[in-house]
Amino acid sequence: MNRRTGIAALAAPAFWLCLTGAVTLALLPHPPELRELGDKAQHMLAFGTLAFLGALAFPRFPKSRLAERLSFLGALVEVLQAIPGLHRDCDIRDWIADTIAIVAVLVLLHALNLLRRKR
């Protein structure tokens, strides 16, 4: 039996929980408002968190594929928000914010990993 250990074992359920929560909130017709954060900041926080947890949960999964798939999810959410019954706005700038956050987090994690290896 192949069991996850350590951080990956904790990060995997957290990743799936956050993914479910982010998609649910993105597709609710009237989601709760977080006035402290602007729309783009909310997108970046959600997808940056998903990238961070995804990298920890699936350490052997190529980071380029993780970025690709999370970015695709962000695009899919925007397309789904164009459904008239949801009363949401489809905005390509939200997808761009998602992708910037994903790439920034994964690049930062890669840089930290390189620094750790040099020690």
C-alpha atoms as a PDB file:
ATOM      1  CA  MET A   1       0.000   0.000   0.000  1.00  0.00           C
ATOM      2  CA  ASN A   2       1.423   3.361  -1.055  1.00  0.00           C
ATOM      3  CA  ARG A   3       0.729   5.882   1.729  1.00  0.00           C
ATOM      4  CA  ARG A   4       1.450   9.552   1.787  1.00  0.00           C
ATOM      5  CA  THR A   5       3.505  10.786   4.661  1.00  0.00           C
ATOM      6  CA  GLY A   6       4.207  14.076   6.337  1.00  0.00           C
ATOM      7  CA  ILE A   7       3.137  17.331   4.777  1.00  0.00           C
ATOM      8  CA  ALA A   8       1.633  15.733   1.654  1.00  0.00           C
ATOM      9  CA  ALA A   9      -0.771  13.724   3.805  1.00  0.00           C
ATOM     10  CA  LEU A  10      -2.079  16.918   5.388  1.00  0.00           C
ATOM     11  CA  ALA A  11      -1.943  19.062   2.265  1.00  0.00           C
ATOM     12  CA  ALA A  12      -3.936  16.732  -0.005  1.00  0.00           C
ATOM     13  CA  PRO A  13      -7.262  16.949   1.873  1.00  0.00           C
ATOM     14  CA  ALA A  14      -6.689  20.680   2.400  1.00  0.00           C
ATOM     15  CA  PHE A  15      -6.124  21.100  -1.354  1.00  0.00           C
ATOM     16  CA  TRP A  16      -9.339  19.269  -2.270  1.00  0.00           C
ATOM     17  CA  LEU A  17     -11.326  21.132   0.378  1.00  0.00           C
ATOM     18  CA  CYS A  18     -10.026  24.506  -0.846  1.00  0.00           C
ATOM     19  CA  LEU A  19     -10.604  23.548  -4.475  1.00  0.00           C
ATOM     20  CA  THR A  20     -14.200  22.571  -3.720  1.00  0.00           C
ATOM     21  CA  GLY A  21     -14.767  25.732  -1.714  1.00  0.00           C
ATOM     22  CA  ALA A  22     -13.250  28.030  -4.338  1.00  0.00           C
ATOM     23  CA  VAL A  23     -15.270  26.549  -7.199  1.00  0.00           C
ATOM     24  CA  THR A  24     -18.457  26.571  -5.115  1.00  0.00           C
ATOM     25  CA  LEU A  25     -18.015  30.223  -4.146  1.00  0.00           C
ATOM     26  CA  ALA A  26     -17.150  31.139  -7.732  1.00  0.00           C
ATOM     27  CA  LEU A  27     -20.374  29.615  -9.030  1.00  0.00           C
ATOM     28  CA  LEU A  28     -22.801  30.807  -6.369  1.00  0.00           C
ATOM     29  CA  PRO A  29     -25.228  33.407  -7.736  1.00  0.00           C
ATOM     30  CA  HIS A  30     -24.759  35.581  -4.634  1.00  0.00           C
ATOM     31  CA  PRO A  31     -21.504  34.665  -2.858  1.00  0.00           C
ATOM     32  CA  PRO A  32     -20.581  36.295   0.442  1.00  0.00           C
ATOM     33  CA  GLU A  33     -18.721  39.560  -0.068  1.00  0.00           C
ATOM     34  CA  LEU A  34     -15.270  40.198   1.322  1.00  0.00           C
ATOM     35  CA  ARG A  35     -15.098  43.963   1.123  1.00  0.00           C
ATOM     36  CA  GLU A  36     -11.622  44.021   2.652  1.00  0.00           C
ATOM     37  CA  LEU A  37     -10.262  42.369  -0.495  1.00  0.00           C
ATOM     38  CA  GLY A  38     -10.909  43.439  -4.045  1.00  0.00           C
ATOM     39  CA  ASP A  39     -12.070  40.974  -6.667  1.00  0.00           C
ATOM     40  CA  LYS A  40      -8.621  40.410  -8.186  1.00  0.00           C
ATOM     41  CA  ALA A  41      -7.058  39.969  -4.745  1.00  0.00           C
ATOM     42  CA  GLN A  42      -9.676  37.327  -3.920  1.00  0.00           C
ATOM     43  CA  HIS A  43      -8.862  35.491  -7.144  1.00  0.00           C
ATOM     44  CA  MET A  44      -5.144  35.662  -6.461  1.00  0.00           C
ATOM     45  CA  LEU A  45      -5.562  34.494  -2.872  1.00  0.00           C
ATOM     46  CA  ALA A  46      -7.718  31.540  -3.915  1.00  0.00           C
ATOM     47  CA  PHE A  47      -5.503  30.347  -6.758  1.00  0.00           C
ATOM     48  CA  GLY A  48      -2.254  31.120  -4.961  1.00  0.00           C
ATOM     49  CA  THR A  49      -3.486  28.977  -2.080  1.00  0.00           C
ATOM     50  CA  LEU A  50      -4.463  26.189  -4.477  1.00  0.00           C
ATOM     51  CA  ALA A  51      -1.026  26.313  -6.124  1.00  0.00           C
ATOM     52  CA  PHE A  52       0.710  26.209  -2.727  1.00  0.00           C
ATOM     53  CA  LEU A  53      -1.383  23.337  -1.403  1.00  0.00           C
ATOM     54  CA  GLY A  54      -1.201  21.487  -4.729  1.00  0.00           C
ATOM     55  CA  ALA A  55       2.582  21.674  -4.762  1.00  0.00           C
ATOM     56  CA  LEU A  56       2.744  20.333  -1.199  1.00  0.00           C
ATOM     57  CA  ALA A  57       0.070  17.688  -1.714  1.00  0.00           C
ATOM     58  CA  PHE A  58       1.501  16.292  -4.942  1.00  0.00           C
ATOM     59  CA  PRO A  59       5.273  16.817  -4.733  1.00  0.00           C
ATOM     60  CA  ARG A  60       6.063  14.476  -7.649  1.00  0.00           C
ATOM     61  CA  PHE A  61       3.486  15.992  -9.998  1.00  0.00           C
ATOM     62  CA  PRO A  62       5.242  18.336 -12.466  1.00  0.00           C
ATOM     63  CA  LYS A  63       4.760  21.938 -11.392  1.00  0.00           C
ATOM     64  CA  SER A  64       4.238  23.045 -14.993  1.00  0.00           C
ATOM     65  CA  ARG A  65       1.265  20.676 -15.242  1.00  0.00           C
ATOM     66  CA  LEU A  66      -0.079  21.855 -11.901  1.00  0.00           C
ATOM     67  CA  ALA A  67       0.111  25.435 -13.158  1.00  0.00           C
ATOM     68  CA  GLU A  68      -1.521  24.482 -16.445  1.00  0.00           C
ATOM     69  CA  ARG A  69      -4.395  22.632 -14.799  1.00  0.00           C
ATOM     70  CA  LEU A  70      -5.079  25.265 -12.175  1.00  0.00           C
ATOM     71  CA  SER A  71      -4.981  27.968 -14.839  1.00  0.00           C
ATOM     72  CA  PHE A  72      -7.407  25.929 -16.938  1.00  0.00           C
ATOM     73  CA  LEU A  73      -9.682  25.661 -13.903  1.00  0.00           C
ATOM     74  CA  GLY A  74      -9.586  29.452 -13.564  1.00  0.00           C
ATOM     75  CA  ALA A  75     -10.547  29.829 -17.228  1.00  0.00           C
ATOM     76  CA  LEU A  76     -13.319  27.250 -16.853  1.00  0.00           C
ATOM     77  CA  VAL A  77     -14.734  29.104 -13.851  1.00  0.00           C
ATOM     78  CA  GLU A  78     -14.865  32.299 -15.911  1.00  0.00           C
ATOM     79  CA  VAL A  79     -16.644  30.523 -18.764  1.00  0.00           C
ATOM     80  CA  LEU A  80     -19.159  29.028 -16.330  1.00  0.00           C
ATOM     81  CA  GLN A  81     -19.739  32.440 -14.777  1.00  0.00           C
ATOM     82  CA  ALA A  82     -21.059  33.537 -18.177  1.00  0.00           C
ATOM     83  CA  ILE A  83     -24.143  31.344 -17.611  1.00  0.00           C
ATOM     84  CA  PRO A  84     -26.969  33.911 -17.364  1.00  0.00           C
ATOM     85  CA  GLY A  85     -28.753  32.130 -14.494  1.00  0.00           C
ATOM     86  CA  LEU A  86     -25.734  32.560 -12.219  1.00  0.00           C
ATOM     87  CA  HIS A  87     -25.856  36.364 -12.474  1.00  0.00           C
ATOM     88  CA  ARG A  88     -22.055  36.479 -12.436  1.00  0.00           C
ATOM     89  CA  ASP A  89     -19.572  38.255 -14.686  1.00  0.00           C
ATOM     90  CA  CYS A  90     -17.111  36.483 -16.950  1.00  0.00           C
ATOM     91  CA  ASP A  91     -13.891  38.522 -16.894  1.00  0.00           C
ATOM     92  CA  ILE A  92     -10.676  37.457 -18.616  1.00  0.00           C
ATOM     93  CA  ARG A  93      -8.745  39.679 -16.182  1.00  0.00           C
ATOM     94  CA  ASP A  94      -9.865  37.381 -13.349  1.00  0.00           C
ATOM     95  CA  TRP A  95      -8.345  34.409 -15.180  1.00  0.00           C
ATOM     96  CA  ILE A  96      -5.144  36.412 -15.754  1.00  0.00           C
ATOM     97  CA  ALA A  97      -5.008  37.234 -12.021  1.00  0.00           C
ATOM     98  CA  ASP A  98      -5.515  33.534 -11.220  1.00  0.00           C
ATOM     99  CA  THR A  99      -2.673  32.529 -13.536  1.00  0.00           C
ATOM    100  CA  ILE A 100      -0.290  35.208 -12.244  1.00  0.00           C
ATOM    101  CA  ALA A 101      -0.859  34.020  -8.668  1.00  0.00           C
ATOM    102  CA  ILE A 102      -0.364  30.375  -9.628  1.00  0.00           C
ATOM    103  CA  VAL A 103       2.905  31.048 -11.433  1.00  0.00           C
ATOM    104  CA  ALA A 104       4.202  33.409  -8.737  1.00  0.00           C
ATOM    105  CA  VAL A 105       3.601  30.877  -5.954  1.00  0.00           C
ATOM    106  CA  LEU A 106       5.142  27.988  -7.878  1.00  0.00           C
ATOM    107  CA  VAL A 107       8.198  30.053  -8.878  1.00  0.00           C
ATOM    108  CA  LEU A 108       8.644  31.146  -5.259  1.00  0.00           C
ATOM    109  CA  LEU A 109       8.388  27.548  -4.034  1.00  0.00           C
ATOM    110  CA  HIS A 110      10.900  26.455  -6.665  1.00  0.00           C
ATOM    111  CA  ALA A 111      13.332  29.192  -5.601  1.00  0.00           C
ATOM    112  CA  LEU A 112      12.954  28.234  -1.940  1.00  0.00           C
ATOM    113  CA  ASN A 113      13.563  24.599  -2.820  1.00  0.00           C
ATOM    114  CA  LEU A 114      16.757  25.540  -4.692  1.00  0.00           C
ATOM    115  CA  LEU A 115      17.985  27.561  -1.717  1.00  0.00           C
ATOM    116  CA  ARG A 116      17.234  24.670   0.620  1.00  0.00           C
ATOM    117  CA  ARG A 117      19.206  22.275  -1.569  1.00  0.00           C
ATOM    118  CA  LYS A 118      22.282  24.531  -1.552  1.00  0.00           C
ATOM    119  CA  ARG A 119      22.517  24.355   2.229  1.00  0.00           C
END
